[in-house]
N, C-alpha and C. Protein backbone atom coordinates (compact mmCIF):
# COMPACT_ATOMS: atom_id res chain seq x y z
N UNK A 1 -2.79 -15.06 16.19
CA UNK A 1 -2.69 -14.37 14.92
C UNK A 1 -2.30 -15.33 13.79
N UNK A 2 -1.55 -16.37 14.14
CA UNK A 2 -1.15 -17.34 13.12
C UNK A 2 -2.38 -18.04 12.54
N UNK A 3 -3.34 -18.38 13.41
CA UNK A 3 -4.56 -19.05 12.96
C UNK A 3 -5.33 -18.14 12.00
N UNK A 4 -5.37 -16.84 12.36
CA UNK A 4 -6.07 -15.87 11.51
C UNK A 4 -5.40 -15.80 10.13
N UNK A 5 -4.07 -15.77 10.12
CA UNK A 5 -3.34 -15.71 8.85
C UNK A 5 -3.62 -16.95 8.01
N UNK A 6 -3.70 -18.11 8.68
CA UNK A 6 -3.97 -19.35 7.94
C UNK A 6 -5.35 -19.33 7.30
N UNK A 7 -6.32 -18.71 8.00
CA UNK A 7 -7.67 -18.58 7.43
C UNK A 7 -7.63 -17.70 6.18
N UNK A 8 -6.85 -16.61 6.25
CA UNK A 8 -6.74 -15.71 5.10
C UNK A 8 -6.02 -16.40 3.94
N UNK A 9 -5.01 -17.20 4.27
CA UNK A 9 -4.29 -17.93 3.22
C UNK A 9 -5.23 -18.88 2.50
N UNK A 10 -6.14 -19.50 3.27
CA UNK A 10 -7.12 -20.42 2.67
C UNK A 10 -8.03 -19.70 1.68
N UNK A 11 -8.28 -18.40 1.93
CA UNK A 11 -9.17 -17.62 1.06
C UNK A 11 -8.41 -16.92 -0.07
N UNK A 12 -7.09 -17.07 -0.08
CA UNK A 12 -6.27 -16.32 -1.04
C UNK A 12 -6.61 -16.70 -2.48
N UNK A 13 -6.47 -15.71 -3.37
CA UNK A 13 -6.84 -15.90 -4.77
C UNK A 13 -5.77 -16.66 -5.56
N UNK A 14 -4.50 -16.48 -5.19
CA UNK A 14 -3.43 -17.09 -5.97
C UNK A 14 -2.18 -17.22 -5.11
N UNK A 15 -1.12 -17.74 -5.70
CA UNK A 15 0.10 -17.99 -4.94
C UNK A 15 0.75 -16.70 -4.44
N UNK A 16 0.71 -15.63 -5.26
CA UNK A 16 1.28 -14.35 -4.83
C UNK A 16 0.54 -13.83 -3.61
N UNK A 17 -0.77 -13.97 -3.63
CA UNK A 17 -1.59 -13.51 -2.51
C UNK A 17 -1.21 -14.29 -1.25
N UNK A 18 -1.08 -15.61 -1.38
CA UNK A 18 -0.70 -16.44 -0.23
C UNK A 18 0.66 -16.00 0.32
N UNK A 19 1.59 -15.74 -0.59
CA UNK A 19 2.94 -15.33 -0.17
C UNK A 19 2.89 -14.02 0.59
N UNK A 20 2.07 -13.08 0.11
CA UNK A 20 2.04 -11.77 0.76
C UNK A 20 1.34 -11.84 2.11
N UNK A 21 0.31 -12.68 2.23
CA UNK A 21 -0.32 -12.86 3.53
C UNK A 21 0.70 -13.41 4.52
N UNK A 22 1.54 -14.31 4.06
CA UNK A 22 2.58 -14.86 4.93
C UNK A 22 3.59 -13.79 5.33
N UNK A 23 3.93 -12.90 4.39
CA UNK A 23 4.84 -11.80 4.71
C UNK A 23 4.22 -10.93 5.79
N UNK A 24 2.93 -10.62 5.62
CA UNK A 24 2.25 -9.76 6.59
C UNK A 24 2.24 -10.41 7.97
N UNK A 25 1.95 -11.71 8.00
CA UNK A 25 1.90 -12.40 9.30
C UNK A 25 3.29 -12.43 9.93
N UNK A 26 4.31 -12.68 9.09
CA UNK A 26 5.69 -12.74 9.56
C UNK A 26 6.09 -11.45 10.27
N UNK A 27 5.65 -10.32 9.73
CA UNK A 27 6.02 -9.02 10.29
C UNK A 27 4.98 -8.48 11.26
N UNK A 28 3.98 -9.29 11.61
CA UNK A 28 2.99 -8.85 12.60
C UNK A 28 1.96 -7.89 12.05
N UNK A 29 1.79 -7.84 10.72
CA UNK A 29 0.76 -6.98 10.15
C UNK A 29 -0.48 -7.82 9.87
N UNK A 30 -1.64 -7.29 10.24
CA UNK A 30 -2.88 -8.02 9.99
C UNK A 30 -3.20 -7.96 8.49
N UNK A 31 -3.44 -9.10 7.86
CA UNK A 31 -3.68 -9.09 6.41
C UNK A 31 -5.12 -8.72 6.08
N UNK A 32 -5.51 -7.49 6.38
CA UNK A 32 -6.90 -7.09 6.16
C UNK A 32 -7.03 -6.04 5.08
N UNK A 33 -5.92 -5.57 4.52
CA UNK A 33 -5.98 -4.58 3.46
C UNK A 33 -5.16 -5.05 2.27
N UNK A 34 -5.43 -4.45 1.14
CA UNK A 34 -4.56 -4.69 0.00
C UNK A 34 -3.24 -3.98 0.26
N UNK A 35 -2.15 -4.70 0.16
CA UNK A 35 -0.84 -4.09 0.42
C UNK A 35 0.10 -4.45 -0.72
N UNK A 36 0.80 -3.48 -1.26
CA UNK A 36 1.76 -3.76 -2.32
C UNK A 36 3.15 -3.38 -1.84
N UNK A 37 4.07 -4.32 -1.86
CA UNK A 37 5.43 -4.04 -1.44
C UNK A 37 6.34 -3.91 -2.66
N UNK A 38 7.28 -2.99 -2.61
CA UNK A 38 8.31 -2.93 -3.64
C UNK A 38 9.62 -3.39 -3.00
N UNK A 39 10.62 -3.56 -3.85
CA UNK A 39 11.94 -3.97 -3.35
C UNK A 39 12.45 -2.99 -2.31
N UNK A 40 12.11 -1.71 -2.46
CA UNK A 40 12.62 -0.67 -1.56
C UNK A 40 11.99 -0.70 -0.18
N UNK A 41 10.91 -1.50 -0.01
CA UNK A 41 10.33 -1.64 1.32
C UNK A 41 11.20 -2.52 2.21
N UNK A 42 12.10 -3.29 1.60
CA UNK A 42 12.88 -4.26 2.36
C UNK A 42 14.36 -3.92 2.38
N UNK A 43 15.00 -4.37 3.44
CA UNK A 43 16.38 -4.06 3.72
C UNK A 43 16.99 -5.32 4.32
N UNK A 44 18.12 -5.78 3.85
CA UNK A 44 18.74 -6.98 4.42
C UNK A 44 20.13 -6.63 4.92
N UNK A 45 20.37 -6.94 6.19
CA UNK A 45 21.68 -6.66 6.78
C UNK A 45 22.07 -7.84 7.66
N UNK A 46 23.00 -8.66 7.17
CA UNK A 46 23.38 -9.86 7.92
C UNK A 46 22.20 -10.81 8.04
N UNK A 47 21.84 -11.13 9.30
CA UNK A 47 20.73 -12.05 9.55
C UNK A 47 19.40 -11.30 9.71
N UNK A 48 19.43 -9.98 9.56
CA UNK A 48 18.22 -9.17 9.82
C UNK A 48 17.54 -8.77 8.51
N UNK A 49 16.24 -9.04 8.46
CA UNK A 49 15.42 -8.60 7.33
C UNK A 49 14.47 -7.53 7.86
N UNK A 50 14.52 -6.34 7.25
CA UNK A 50 13.68 -5.23 7.72
C UNK A 50 12.61 -4.91 6.69
N UNK A 51 11.44 -4.56 7.20
CA UNK A 51 10.34 -4.09 6.35
C UNK A 51 9.99 -2.68 6.77
N UNK A 52 10.00 -1.73 5.83
CA UNK A 52 9.65 -0.34 6.11
C UNK A 52 8.29 -0.05 5.48
N UNK A 53 7.39 0.56 6.23
CA UNK A 53 6.09 0.92 5.66
C UNK A 53 5.50 2.08 6.43
N UNK A 54 4.44 2.67 5.88
CA UNK A 54 3.76 3.77 6.55
C UNK A 54 2.68 3.22 7.45
N UNK A 55 2.68 3.64 8.72
CA UNK A 55 1.63 3.25 9.64
C UNK A 55 0.53 4.29 9.60
N UNK A 56 -0.68 3.86 9.27
CA UNK A 56 -1.78 4.82 9.08
C UNK A 56 -2.70 4.82 10.28
N UNK A 57 -3.19 6.00 10.62
CA UNK A 57 -4.27 6.09 11.59
C UNK A 57 -5.55 5.70 10.87
N UNK A 58 -6.39 4.96 11.54
CA UNK A 58 -7.68 4.63 10.92
C UNK A 58 -8.59 5.82 11.10
N UNK A 59 -8.96 6.44 10.01
CA UNK A 59 -9.82 7.61 10.12
C UNK A 59 -10.72 7.68 8.90
N UNK A 60 -11.79 8.44 9.03
CA UNK A 60 -12.79 8.46 7.97
C UNK A 60 -12.60 9.61 6.99
N UNK A 61 -11.63 10.47 7.25
CA UNK A 61 -11.47 11.63 6.38
C UNK A 61 -11.02 11.20 4.99
N UNK A 62 -11.41 12.00 4.01
CA UNK A 62 -11.08 11.70 2.63
C UNK A 62 -9.66 12.20 2.32
N UNK A 63 -9.05 11.66 1.31
CA UNK A 63 -7.79 12.22 0.87
C UNK A 63 -6.65 11.23 0.84
N UNK A 64 -5.47 11.74 0.69
CA UNK A 64 -4.31 10.86 0.58
C UNK A 64 -3.95 10.31 1.95
N UNK A 65 -3.68 9.02 2.02
CA UNK A 65 -3.45 8.37 3.30
C UNK A 65 -2.07 8.68 3.87
N UNK A 66 -1.21 9.32 3.07
CA UNK A 66 0.13 9.64 3.54
C UNK A 66 0.14 10.70 4.62
N UNK A 67 -0.96 11.44 4.77
CA UNK A 67 -1.03 12.48 5.78
C UNK A 67 -1.21 11.82 7.15
N UNK A 68 -0.57 12.39 8.17
CA UNK A 68 -0.66 11.87 9.54
C UNK A 68 -0.22 10.41 9.65
N UNK A 69 0.83 10.07 8.93
CA UNK A 69 1.38 8.74 9.05
C UNK A 69 2.82 8.82 9.53
N UNK A 70 3.31 7.72 10.05
CA UNK A 70 4.71 7.70 10.44
C UNK A 70 5.38 6.49 9.80
N UNK A 71 6.67 6.61 9.59
CA UNK A 71 7.42 5.52 8.99
C UNK A 71 7.70 4.47 10.07
N UNK A 72 7.31 3.24 9.80
CA UNK A 72 7.50 2.15 10.77
C UNK A 72 8.48 1.15 10.17
N UNK A 73 9.38 0.67 10.99
CA UNK A 73 10.32 -0.36 10.54
C UNK A 73 10.17 -1.57 11.45
N UNK A 74 9.84 -2.70 10.85
CA UNK A 74 9.80 -3.96 11.59
C UNK A 74 10.98 -4.81 11.14
N UNK A 75 11.56 -5.57 12.06
CA UNK A 75 12.67 -6.43 11.64
C UNK A 75 12.53 -7.81 12.24
N UNK A 76 13.02 -8.81 11.51
CA UNK A 76 12.99 -10.19 11.99
C UNK A 76 14.34 -10.82 11.69
N UNK A 77 14.61 -11.91 12.39
CA UNK A 77 15.83 -12.67 12.13
C UNK A 77 15.54 -13.66 11.01
N UNK A 78 16.37 -13.65 9.98
CA UNK A 78 16.14 -14.54 8.83
C UNK A 78 16.20 -16.00 9.25
N UNK A 79 17.04 -16.31 10.22
CA UNK A 79 17.21 -17.70 10.63
C UNK A 79 16.05 -18.22 11.48
N UNK A 80 15.15 -17.33 11.92
CA UNK A 80 14.09 -17.78 12.83
C UNK A 80 12.94 -18.48 12.10
N UNK A 81 12.84 -18.31 10.79
CA UNK A 81 11.69 -18.85 10.06
C UNK A 81 12.15 -19.24 8.66
N UNK A 82 11.83 -20.46 8.22
CA UNK A 82 12.26 -20.89 6.89
C UNK A 82 11.73 -19.96 5.79
N UNK A 83 10.52 -19.43 6.00
CA UNK A 83 9.94 -18.54 4.99
C UNK A 83 10.70 -17.22 4.93
N UNK A 84 11.22 -16.77 6.07
CA UNK A 84 11.99 -15.53 6.09
C UNK A 84 13.25 -15.68 5.23
N UNK A 85 13.89 -16.84 5.32
CA UNK A 85 15.07 -17.10 4.49
C UNK A 85 14.69 -17.14 3.01
N UNK A 86 13.58 -17.82 2.72
CA UNK A 86 13.09 -17.93 1.34
C UNK A 86 12.78 -16.53 0.79
N UNK A 87 12.14 -15.71 1.62
CA UNK A 87 11.77 -14.35 1.22
C UNK A 87 13.02 -13.50 0.98
N UNK A 88 13.99 -13.60 1.89
CA UNK A 88 15.22 -12.82 1.77
C UNK A 88 15.96 -13.18 0.48
N UNK A 89 16.03 -14.48 0.18
CA UNK A 89 16.70 -14.92 -1.05
C UNK A 89 15.99 -14.36 -2.27
N UNK A 90 14.66 -14.35 -2.21
CA UNK A 90 13.87 -13.85 -3.33
C UNK A 90 14.07 -12.33 -3.50
N UNK A 91 14.07 -11.61 -2.38
CA UNK A 91 14.21 -10.15 -2.42
C UNK A 91 15.54 -9.74 -3.05
N UNK A 92 16.59 -10.50 -2.77
CA UNK A 92 17.91 -10.17 -3.31
C UNK A 92 17.96 -10.27 -4.83
N UNK A 93 17.00 -10.98 -5.43
CA UNK A 93 16.99 -11.12 -6.89
C UNK A 93 16.21 -10.00 -7.56
N UNK A 94 15.53 -9.15 -6.78
CA UNK A 94 14.66 -8.10 -7.34
C UNK A 94 15.43 -6.78 -7.42
N UNK A 95 15.42 -6.11 -8.57
CA UNK A 95 16.08 -4.80 -8.68
C UNK A 95 15.39 -3.75 -7.82
N UNK A 96 16.13 -2.76 -7.37
CA UNK A 96 15.56 -1.67 -6.57
C UNK A 96 14.41 -1.00 -7.32
N UNK A 97 13.37 -0.66 -6.57
CA UNK A 97 12.24 0.06 -7.17
C UNK A 97 11.20 -0.85 -7.80
N UNK A 98 11.51 -2.13 -7.94
CA UNK A 98 10.57 -3.02 -8.62
C UNK A 98 9.58 -3.62 -7.62
N UNK A 99 8.37 -3.85 -8.08
CA UNK A 99 7.30 -4.37 -7.23
C UNK A 99 7.51 -5.86 -6.95
N UNK A 100 7.31 -6.26 -5.70
CA UNK A 100 7.44 -7.68 -5.37
C UNK A 100 6.15 -8.43 -5.66
N UNK A 101 5.07 -7.94 -5.09
CA UNK A 101 3.78 -8.60 -5.25
C UNK A 101 2.74 -7.56 -5.62
N UNK A 102 1.72 -7.97 -6.30
CA UNK A 102 0.59 -7.08 -6.54
C UNK A 102 -0.66 -7.94 -6.59
N UNK A 103 -1.62 -7.67 -5.74
CA UNK A 103 -2.83 -8.48 -5.72
C UNK A 103 -3.98 -7.67 -5.16
N UNK A 104 -5.18 -8.20 -5.31
CA UNK A 104 -6.35 -7.57 -4.70
C UNK A 104 -6.80 -8.44 -3.54
N UNK A 105 -7.22 -7.83 -2.47
CA UNK A 105 -7.63 -8.60 -1.30
C UNK A 105 -8.99 -9.24 -1.55
N UNK A 106 -9.34 -10.29 -0.81
CA UNK A 106 -10.60 -10.99 -1.06
C UNK A 106 -11.82 -10.09 -0.95
N UNK A 107 -11.77 -9.10 -0.08
CA UNK A 107 -12.95 -8.23 0.07
C UNK A 107 -12.92 -7.05 -0.90
N UNK A 108 -11.99 -7.06 -1.88
CA UNK A 108 -11.99 -6.08 -2.97
C UNK A 108 -11.93 -4.63 -2.49
N UNK A 109 -11.08 -4.36 -1.50
CA UNK A 109 -10.91 -2.97 -1.07
C UNK A 109 -10.38 -2.18 -2.26
N UNK A 110 -10.99 -1.02 -2.52
CA UNK A 110 -10.59 -0.24 -3.70
C UNK A 110 -9.36 0.58 -3.36
N UNK A 111 -8.21 0.01 -3.60
CA UNK A 111 -6.96 0.67 -3.26
C UNK A 111 -6.02 0.56 -4.45
N UNK A 112 -5.24 1.59 -4.70
CA UNK A 112 -4.26 1.51 -5.77
C UNK A 112 -2.91 1.96 -5.23
N UNK A 113 -1.86 1.35 -5.70
CA UNK A 113 -0.53 1.65 -5.22
C UNK A 113 0.29 2.33 -6.29
N UNK A 114 1.13 3.23 -5.87
CA UNK A 114 2.01 3.92 -6.81
C UNK A 114 3.44 3.85 -6.31
N UNK A 115 4.38 3.73 -7.24
CA UNK A 115 5.77 3.95 -6.90
C UNK A 115 6.07 5.33 -7.44
N UNK A 116 6.28 6.28 -6.57
CA UNK A 116 6.29 7.69 -6.96
C UNK A 116 7.66 8.34 -6.82
N UNK A 117 7.89 9.33 -7.64
CA UNK A 117 9.04 10.20 -7.49
C UNK A 117 8.55 11.47 -6.80
N UNK A 118 9.31 11.98 -5.84
CA UNK A 118 8.86 13.15 -5.08
C UNK A 118 8.70 14.36 -5.99
N UNK A 119 7.63 15.09 -5.80
CA UNK A 119 7.44 16.32 -6.57
C UNK A 119 7.41 17.52 -5.62
N UNK A 120 7.39 17.26 -4.30
CA UNK A 120 7.40 18.36 -3.33
C UNK A 120 6.04 18.95 -3.05
N UNK A 121 4.99 18.45 -3.74
CA UNK A 121 3.66 19.02 -3.54
C UNK A 121 2.90 18.31 -2.42
N UNK A 122 3.34 17.10 -2.10
CA UNK A 122 2.58 16.30 -1.15
C UNK A 122 2.80 16.79 0.28
N UNK A 123 1.72 16.95 1.08
CA UNK A 123 1.90 17.39 2.47
C UNK A 123 2.69 16.34 3.26
N UNK A 124 3.55 16.78 4.15
CA UNK A 124 4.33 15.87 5.01
C UNK A 124 5.07 14.80 4.20
N UNK A 125 5.67 15.22 3.10
CA UNK A 125 6.31 14.25 2.20
C UNK A 125 7.50 13.59 2.90
N UNK A 126 7.54 12.25 2.85
CA UNK A 126 8.64 11.51 3.46
C UNK A 126 9.66 11.09 2.41
N UNK A 127 9.46 11.55 1.18
CA UNK A 127 10.24 11.05 0.06
C UNK A 127 11.52 11.86 -0.13
N UNK A 128 12.60 11.18 -0.47
CA UNK A 128 13.81 11.88 -0.88
C UNK A 128 13.71 12.10 -2.37
N UNK A 129 14.61 11.49 -3.13
CA UNK A 129 14.50 11.61 -4.58
C UNK A 129 13.56 10.56 -5.14
N UNK A 130 13.52 9.41 -4.48
CA UNK A 130 12.67 8.32 -4.95
C UNK A 130 11.85 7.83 -3.77
N UNK A 131 10.57 7.64 -3.97
CA UNK A 131 9.71 7.18 -2.88
C UNK A 131 10.02 5.72 -2.56
N UNK A 132 10.41 5.41 -1.32
CA UNK A 132 10.75 4.03 -0.99
C UNK A 132 9.54 3.22 -0.55
N UNK A 133 8.38 3.83 -0.55
CA UNK A 133 7.19 3.17 0.00
C UNK A 133 6.08 3.07 -1.02
N UNK A 134 5.15 2.19 -0.76
CA UNK A 134 3.94 2.12 -1.58
C UNK A 134 2.93 3.06 -0.95
N UNK A 135 2.81 4.28 -1.47
CA UNK A 135 1.86 5.25 -0.92
C UNK A 135 0.46 4.92 -1.42
N UNK A 136 -0.54 5.28 -0.61
CA UNK A 136 -1.89 4.84 -0.94
C UNK A 136 -2.87 5.99 -1.08
N UNK A 137 -2.98 6.60 -2.24
CA UNK A 137 -4.04 7.59 -2.41
C UNK A 137 -5.40 6.88 -2.46
N UNK A 138 -6.35 7.37 -1.73
CA UNK A 138 -7.70 6.81 -1.78
C UNK A 138 -8.56 7.74 -2.61
N UNK A 139 -9.21 7.24 -3.62
CA UNK A 139 -10.07 8.07 -4.45
C UNK A 139 -11.51 7.92 -3.98
N UNK A 140 -12.26 9.02 -4.03
CA UNK A 140 -13.65 8.98 -3.59
C UNK A 140 -14.52 9.64 -4.64
N UNK A 141 -15.81 9.49 -4.48
CA UNK A 141 -16.73 10.10 -5.44
C UNK A 141 -16.75 11.62 -5.30
N UNK A 142 -16.06 12.17 -4.28
CA UNK A 142 -15.97 13.62 -4.12
C UNK A 142 -14.96 14.25 -5.07
N UNK A 143 -14.17 13.39 -5.73
CA UNK A 143 -13.14 13.93 -6.62
C UNK A 143 -13.75 14.70 -7.79
N UNK A 144 -12.91 15.52 -8.41
CA UNK A 144 -13.35 16.17 -9.64
C UNK A 144 -13.70 15.11 -10.66
N UNK A 145 -14.49 15.49 -11.64
CA UNK A 145 -14.95 14.51 -12.62
C UNK A 145 -13.82 14.16 -13.58
N UNK A 146 -12.99 13.27 -13.12
CA UNK A 146 -11.88 12.82 -13.94
C UNK A 146 -12.09 11.35 -14.22
N UNK A 147 -11.24 10.81 -15.04
CA UNK A 147 -11.34 9.39 -15.34
C UNK A 147 -11.21 8.57 -14.06
N UNK A 148 -10.23 8.94 -13.22
CA UNK A 148 -10.02 8.21 -11.97
C UNK A 148 -11.16 8.45 -11.00
N UNK A 149 -11.61 9.72 -10.91
CA UNK A 149 -12.70 10.05 -10.00
C UNK A 149 -13.97 9.33 -10.38
N UNK A 150 -14.26 9.28 -11.68
CA UNK A 150 -15.45 8.58 -12.13
C UNK A 150 -15.35 7.09 -11.87
N UNK A 151 -14.14 6.56 -12.03
CA UNK A 151 -13.95 5.13 -11.78
C UNK A 151 -14.26 4.81 -10.33
N UNK A 152 -13.80 5.69 -9.42
CA UNK A 152 -14.05 5.46 -7.99
C UNK A 152 -15.53 5.60 -7.70
N UNK A 153 -16.15 6.64 -8.28
CA UNK A 153 -17.56 6.88 -8.02
C UNK A 153 -18.44 5.76 -8.54
N UNK A 154 -18.01 5.13 -9.64
CA UNK A 154 -18.83 4.08 -10.23
C UNK A 154 -18.54 2.72 -9.61
N UNK A 155 -17.59 2.68 -8.67
CA UNK A 155 -17.28 1.42 -8.00
C UNK A 155 -16.31 0.55 -8.78
N UNK A 156 -15.67 1.10 -9.83
CA UNK A 156 -14.70 0.30 -10.58
C UNK A 156 -13.53 -0.06 -9.67
N UNK A 157 -13.03 -1.26 -9.83
CA UNK A 157 -11.93 -1.71 -8.98
C UNK A 157 -10.64 -0.97 -9.35
N UNK A 158 -10.20 -0.08 -8.47
CA UNK A 158 -9.05 0.76 -8.79
C UNK A 158 -7.74 -0.01 -8.78
N UNK A 159 -7.77 -1.26 -8.29
CA UNK A 159 -6.54 -2.05 -8.33
C UNK A 159 -6.15 -2.36 -9.78
N UNK A 160 -7.07 -2.13 -10.72
CA UNK A 160 -6.75 -2.37 -12.12
C UNK A 160 -5.96 -1.22 -12.74
N UNK A 161 -5.93 -0.05 -12.04
CA UNK A 161 -5.21 1.10 -12.58
C UNK A 161 -3.75 1.00 -12.18
N UNK A 162 -2.86 1.32 -13.10
CA UNK A 162 -1.44 1.24 -12.75
C UNK A 162 -0.66 2.24 -13.61
N UNK A 163 0.56 2.53 -13.20
CA UNK A 163 1.42 3.38 -13.99
C UNK A 163 1.03 4.85 -14.00
N UNK A 164 0.30 5.30 -12.98
CA UNK A 164 -0.10 6.71 -12.92
C UNK A 164 0.93 7.45 -12.08
N UNK A 165 1.39 8.60 -12.55
CA UNK A 165 2.40 9.34 -11.80
C UNK A 165 1.74 10.29 -10.81
N UNK A 166 2.50 10.69 -9.81
CA UNK A 166 1.98 11.63 -8.82
C UNK A 166 1.57 12.94 -9.48
N UNK A 167 2.36 13.39 -10.46
CA UNK A 167 2.05 14.65 -11.13
C UNK A 167 0.68 14.58 -11.82
N UNK A 168 0.34 13.41 -12.36
CA UNK A 168 -0.94 13.26 -13.04
C UNK A 168 -2.10 13.20 -12.05
N UNK A 169 -1.84 12.64 -10.88
CA UNK A 169 -2.92 12.41 -9.92
C UNK A 169 -3.11 13.57 -8.96
N UNK A 170 -2.03 14.28 -8.66
CA UNK A 170 -2.05 15.29 -7.59
C UNK A 170 -3.22 16.27 -7.65
N UNK A 171 -3.57 16.84 -8.82
CA UNK A 171 -4.66 17.82 -8.82
C UNK A 171 -6.00 17.24 -8.38
N UNK A 172 -6.13 15.91 -8.40
CA UNK A 172 -7.42 15.30 -8.14
C UNK A 172 -7.51 14.68 -6.75
N UNK A 173 -6.45 14.80 -5.96
CA UNK A 173 -6.50 14.26 -4.61
C UNK A 173 -7.12 15.30 -3.68
N UNK A 174 -7.94 14.85 -2.77
CA UNK A 174 -8.49 15.75 -1.77
C UNK A 174 -7.55 15.73 -0.57
N UNK A 175 -6.96 16.86 -0.25
CA UNK A 175 -5.95 16.88 0.82
C UNK A 175 -6.57 17.04 2.20
N UNK A 176 -7.70 17.73 2.27
CA UNK A 176 -8.31 17.99 3.57
C UNK A 176 -9.59 17.17 3.72
N UNK A 177 -9.97 16.84 4.96
CA UNK A 177 -11.24 16.14 5.16
C UNK A 177 -12.41 16.98 4.64
N UNK A 178 -13.39 16.31 4.09
CA UNK A 178 -14.59 17.02 3.62
C UNK A 178 -15.46 17.30 4.83
N UNK A 179 -15.55 18.56 5.23
CA UNK A 179 -16.26 18.89 6.47
C UNK A 179 -17.63 19.52 6.21
N UNK A 180 -17.82 20.07 5.01
CA UNK A 180 -19.09 20.73 4.72
C UNK A 180 -19.77 20.03 3.55
N UNK A 181 -21.08 19.86 3.69
CA UNK A 181 -21.85 19.27 2.60
C UNK A 181 -22.20 20.38 1.62
N UNK A 182 -21.73 20.27 0.38
CA UNK A 182 -21.94 21.33 -0.60
C UNK A 182 -23.05 21.02 -1.59
N UNK A 183 -23.60 19.83 -1.50
CA UNK A 183 -24.65 19.45 -2.46
C UNK A 183 -26.02 19.89 -2.00
N UNK A 184 -27.03 19.45 -2.71
CA UNK A 184 -28.41 19.78 -2.35
C UNK A 184 -29.10 18.54 -1.82
N UNK A 185 -29.89 18.72 -0.79
CA UNK A 185 -30.67 17.60 -0.26
C UNK A 185 -32.02 17.61 -0.96
N UNK A 186 -32.32 16.54 -1.66
CA UNK A 186 -33.56 16.49 -2.44
C UNK A 186 -34.68 15.95 -1.57
């Protein structure tokens, strides 16, 4: 896996991207998706650095990826890797709730990250008062004709969108898999 991470680092767009690929490799996550971490994803206790994130099932259904996920916590010893120490020192300088890294993956996966406040509308909500995770709504061309829906349908890179609240996005998320074709076959 280290060799694979090194190949991805070689393809990285910038220093932040390289750093995040290293974080992913450090915690045993394959760097194949766009991932955005906030300060709240990390926890430091003594020599232990913990990363909390949502583990997603790979599935083709449309909608918010927070459904059918579980909270996963990985931990490493800070003293086991020089980069882990460097990362821990950096994390301690970041205020709670603030984003650590933000980048687009080389294959331009259309993903956008939100730091959200719970509104209680989301199915299986894991959030208390403040969402500690980078939740990943996936937008598709099946969405209502909204600015975001049109952007997804037209192939616009959604990583360029930021600062959208859950309340603004919620009406346009598809919660259930699209099981019936409602259009016309020409």
